[in-house]
N, C-alpha and C. Protein backbone atom coordinates (compact mmCIF):
# COMPACT_ATOMS: atom_id res chain seq x y z
N MET A 1 84.18 99.47 20.25
CA MET A 1 83.75 99.73 21.62
C MET A 1 84.79 99.16 22.59
N LYS A 2 85.03 99.90 23.65
CA LYS A 2 85.96 99.44 24.69
C LYS A 2 85.23 99.48 26.02
N THR A 3 85.49 98.47 26.87
CA THR A 3 84.88 98.41 28.18
C THR A 3 85.96 98.47 29.26
N VAL A 4 85.77 99.35 30.23
CA VAL A 4 86.69 99.47 31.36
C VAL A 4 85.86 99.48 32.65
N GLN A 5 86.50 99.17 33.76
CA GLN A 5 85.81 99.24 35.05
C GLN A 5 86.20 100.53 35.75
N ILE A 6 85.18 101.20 36.31
CA ILE A 6 85.43 102.45 37.02
C ILE A 6 84.82 102.38 38.41
N SER A 7 85.26 103.30 39.26
CA SER A 7 84.72 103.42 40.61
C SER A 7 84.25 104.85 40.81
N LEU A 8 82.99 105.00 41.19
CA LEU A 8 82.40 106.32 41.47
C LEU A 8 81.84 106.28 42.88
N ASN A 9 82.72 106.27 43.89
CA ASN A 9 82.28 106.01 45.25
C ASN A 9 82.04 107.27 46.09
N SER A 10 81.95 108.44 45.44
CA SER A 10 81.59 109.65 46.18
C SER A 10 80.81 110.60 45.27
N ILE A 11 80.05 111.48 45.88
CA ILE A 11 79.25 112.45 45.11
C ILE A 11 80.16 113.34 44.26
N ASP A 12 81.27 113.79 44.83
CA ASP A 12 82.20 114.64 44.08
C ASP A 12 82.78 113.92 42.88
N LYS A 13 83.08 112.62 43.06
CA LYS A 13 83.62 111.83 41.95
C LYS A 13 82.59 111.72 40.82
N VAL A 14 81.33 111.53 41.17
CA VAL A 14 80.27 111.42 40.16
C VAL A 14 80.16 112.73 39.39
N LYS A 15 80.16 113.85 40.11
CA LYS A 15 80.03 115.15 39.45
C LYS A 15 81.20 115.42 38.51
N SER A 16 82.42 115.17 38.97
CA SER A 16 83.57 115.44 38.10
C SER A 16 83.62 114.46 36.94
N PHE A 17 83.17 113.20 37.15
CA PHE A 17 83.12 112.21 36.07
C PHE A 17 82.18 112.68 34.97
N VAL A 18 80.98 113.13 35.34
CA VAL A 18 80.01 113.60 34.34
C VAL A 18 80.55 114.83 33.61
N ASN A 19 81.19 115.75 34.34
CA ASN A 19 81.78 116.92 33.69
C ASN A 19 82.87 116.52 32.69
N ASP A 20 83.70 115.55 33.06
CA ASP A 20 84.78 115.10 32.17
C ASP A 20 84.23 114.39 30.94
N ILE A 21 83.23 113.55 31.14
CA ILE A 21 82.74 112.71 30.04
C ILE A 21 81.88 113.49 29.05
N THR A 22 81.23 114.55 29.49
CA THR A 22 80.40 115.33 28.56
C THR A 22 81.23 116.15 27.59
N LYS A 23 82.54 116.23 27.80
CA LYS A 23 83.42 116.93 26.85
C LYS A 23 83.58 116.16 25.55
N PHE A 24 83.25 114.87 25.58
CA PHE A 24 83.41 114.03 24.40
C PHE A 24 82.08 113.85 23.68
N ASP A 25 82.17 113.71 22.36
CA ASP A 25 80.98 113.60 21.52
C ASP A 25 80.54 112.16 21.29
N TYR A 26 81.04 111.25 22.08
CA TYR A 26 80.72 109.83 21.90
C TYR A 26 79.67 109.39 22.91
N ASP A 27 79.14 108.18 22.69
CA ASP A 27 78.18 107.61 23.64
C ASP A 27 78.93 106.78 24.67
N PHE A 28 78.50 106.89 25.91
CA PHE A 28 79.07 106.13 27.02
C PHE A 28 77.93 105.50 27.79
N ASP A 29 78.05 104.20 28.07
CA ASP A 29 77.03 103.50 28.86
C ASP A 29 77.67 102.95 30.13
N LEU A 30 76.95 103.06 31.23
CA LEU A 30 77.38 102.43 32.48
C LEU A 30 76.53 101.18 32.67
N VAL A 31 77.18 100.06 32.96
CA VAL A 31 76.49 98.78 33.13
C VAL A 31 76.74 98.28 34.55
N SER A 32 75.65 98.10 35.28
CA SER A 32 75.73 97.57 36.64
C SER A 32 74.66 96.49 36.76
N GLY A 33 75.10 95.23 36.78
CA GLY A 33 74.12 94.14 36.81
C GLY A 33 73.32 94.14 35.52
N ARG A 34 72.00 94.21 35.63
CA ARG A 34 71.18 94.22 34.42
C ARG A 34 70.77 95.63 34.00
N TYR A 35 71.29 96.63 34.69
CA TYR A 35 70.95 98.01 34.37
C TYR A 35 71.99 98.63 33.44
N VAL A 36 71.52 99.31 32.41
CA VAL A 36 72.40 100.05 31.50
C VAL A 36 71.87 101.47 31.45
N ILE A 37 72.73 102.44 31.81
CA ILE A 37 72.28 103.83 31.79
C ILE A 37 73.29 104.69 31.02
N ASP A 38 72.83 105.84 30.57
CA ASP A 38 73.69 106.80 29.89
C ASP A 38 74.66 107.39 30.91
N ALA A 39 75.96 107.28 30.63
CA ALA A 39 76.98 107.75 31.58
C ALA A 39 76.99 109.27 31.72
N LYS A 40 76.33 109.98 30.82
CA LYS A 40 76.28 111.44 30.91
C LYS A 40 75.10 111.92 31.76
N SER A 41 74.31 110.98 32.28
CA SER A 41 73.14 111.32 33.09
C SER A 41 73.48 111.19 34.57
N ILE A 42 73.62 112.33 35.22
CA ILE A 42 73.99 112.32 36.65
C ILE A 42 72.90 111.66 37.49
N MET A 43 71.64 111.85 37.13
CA MET A 43 70.55 111.22 37.86
C MET A 43 70.57 109.71 37.66
N GLY A 44 70.88 109.28 36.44
CA GLY A 44 70.97 107.85 36.16
C GLY A 44 72.07 107.19 36.97
N ILE A 45 73.22 107.86 37.08
CA ILE A 45 74.34 107.31 37.84
C ILE A 45 73.96 107.11 39.30
N PHE A 46 73.24 108.07 39.87
CA PHE A 46 72.85 107.95 41.28
C PHE A 46 71.82 106.85 41.52
N SER A 47 71.22 106.31 40.43
CA SER A 47 70.28 105.20 40.60
C SER A 47 71.01 103.86 40.68
N LEU A 48 72.32 103.86 40.45
CA LEU A 48 73.11 102.63 40.48
C LEU A 48 73.70 102.39 41.88
N ASP A 49 74.14 101.17 42.11
CA ASP A 49 74.84 100.83 43.35
C ASP A 49 76.30 101.27 43.18
N LEU A 50 76.65 102.40 43.77
CA LEU A 50 77.98 102.98 43.57
C LEU A 50 79.04 102.39 44.50
N SER A 51 78.64 101.45 45.34
CA SER A 51 79.62 100.84 46.23
C SER A 51 80.45 99.77 45.51
N LYS A 52 79.98 99.35 44.34
CA LYS A 52 80.68 98.33 43.56
C LYS A 52 81.29 98.95 42.29
N PRO A 53 82.29 98.29 41.71
CA PRO A 53 82.81 98.77 40.43
C PRO A 53 81.73 98.71 39.35
N ILE A 54 81.80 99.61 38.41
CA ILE A 54 80.81 99.71 37.33
C ILE A 54 81.54 99.58 36.01
N ASP A 55 80.94 98.86 35.06
CA ASP A 55 81.51 98.76 33.72
C ASP A 55 81.12 99.98 32.90
N LEU A 56 82.11 100.57 32.24
CA LEU A 56 81.86 101.71 31.36
C LEU A 56 82.13 101.26 29.93
N ASN A 57 81.09 101.30 29.08
CA ASN A 57 81.25 101.00 27.66
C ASN A 57 81.49 102.30 26.91
N ILE A 58 82.63 102.37 26.23
CA ILE A 58 83.00 103.57 25.46
C ILE A 58 82.74 103.26 24.00
N HIS A 59 81.80 103.96 23.40
CA HIS A 59 81.45 103.73 22.00
C HIS A 59 82.21 104.72 21.12
N ALA A 60 83.52 104.51 21.00
CA ALA A 60 84.37 105.39 20.20
C ALA A 60 85.36 104.55 19.44
N GLU A 61 85.61 104.91 18.21
CA GLU A 61 86.59 104.19 17.39
C GLU A 61 87.97 104.81 17.55
N ASP A 62 88.03 106.13 17.47
CA ASP A 62 89.31 106.83 17.64
C ASP A 62 89.24 107.59 18.98
N ASP A 63 90.28 108.26 19.32
CA ASP A 63 90.34 109.06 20.56
C ASP A 63 90.24 108.22 21.83
N VAL A 64 90.29 106.90 21.74
CA VAL A 64 90.13 106.06 22.94
C VAL A 64 91.23 106.36 23.95
N ASP A 65 92.46 106.57 23.47
CA ASP A 65 93.57 106.88 24.38
C ASP A 65 93.34 108.20 25.11
N THR A 66 92.82 109.19 24.40
CA THR A 66 92.52 110.49 25.02
C THR A 66 91.43 110.34 26.08
N ILE A 67 90.41 109.57 25.75
CA ILE A 67 89.31 109.34 26.68
C ILE A 67 89.82 108.63 27.93
N LEU A 68 90.64 107.59 27.74
CA LEU A 68 91.16 106.84 28.88
C LEU A 68 92.07 107.70 29.75
N ALA A 69 92.83 108.61 29.13
CA ALA A 69 93.69 109.51 29.90
C ALA A 69 92.83 110.44 30.76
N THR A 70 91.73 110.92 30.20
CA THR A 70 90.81 111.80 30.94
C THR A 70 90.14 111.05 32.08
N LEU A 71 89.82 109.79 31.85
CA LEU A 71 89.09 108.99 32.84
C LEU A 71 90.00 108.30 33.84
N ASP A 72 91.30 108.52 33.75
CA ASP A 72 92.26 107.83 34.60
C ASP A 72 91.95 107.88 36.11
N PRO A 73 91.48 109.01 36.66
CA PRO A 73 91.20 109.03 38.11
C PRO A 73 90.08 108.06 38.54
N TYR A 74 89.27 107.63 37.60
CA TYR A 74 88.11 106.79 37.94
C TYR A 74 88.35 105.31 37.63
N LEU A 75 89.39 105.01 36.85
CA LEU A 75 89.63 103.64 36.39
C LEU A 75 90.11 102.75 37.53
N ILE A 76 89.66 101.49 37.48
CA ILE A 76 90.15 100.48 38.41
C ILE A 76 91.21 99.69 37.66
N LYS A 77 92.42 99.68 38.22
CA LYS A 77 93.52 99.03 37.50
C LYS A 77 93.88 97.71 38.13
């Protein structure tokens, strides 16, 4: 599992993030405070405080580099 911080500070960013992440067959969790939601759930994402960075847990053993390349627009570096 790999954890990265992402920023989803607009509705368009949330929509494109969900579209990008659903292309992968792995599980992704978003962690904000004590809340953990499925990153592929657009309704779940909107229940979080999107003004702050969010931790994304990537449950993948291989393809991590491909996933990170796809998620590059959302990553906080």
